Amino acid sequence: GSFAKKFWELCPKGVRRDVQDVGGEYRSVVGLPGGIHSSLMPELRAAATAKVVEGKGNDADTLGTDAVLVYDTTQFPAHVAEKYHQFHDDMLDQYGSAYHALRHFADTTQCPGDQSSWPFFIS
């Protein structure tokens, strides 16, 4: 249950903190093995402050829908895109060196900027 409580604490009613960013790439999601049929779904639903909806892939932004998409991680595994845009502090929070160090576990992608500009964002 602690993962679910933390998720809903960080994403109440499915609303992310960075509401200025819009589009499908910013949709609110949870990835679980088995997706909506995961054994973890009762915990997610019990703590839910928004609707949980099955993610189908290429879904639209969830902002303003009071919904969070649940993806099956066996069909939709997580991956890092735009590595240069990950593992740094954001506009609201400072995450610290342990989080920043995670960039070493992410493969460089072919996204523009990954080879040169991403360290610029690390504080």
Foldseek 3Di string as FASTA:
>chain_A
DVVLLVLCVQQPLQNHPPVVDFWPVPAAEDEDAVWCPDPCNVVNVVNHRAAEAADDPPDIHCPPVSYYYTYNCVVVPDADDPLLPAQAADPPDHDDDVSNVCSVVHDQDPDPPSVPNSVVRHD
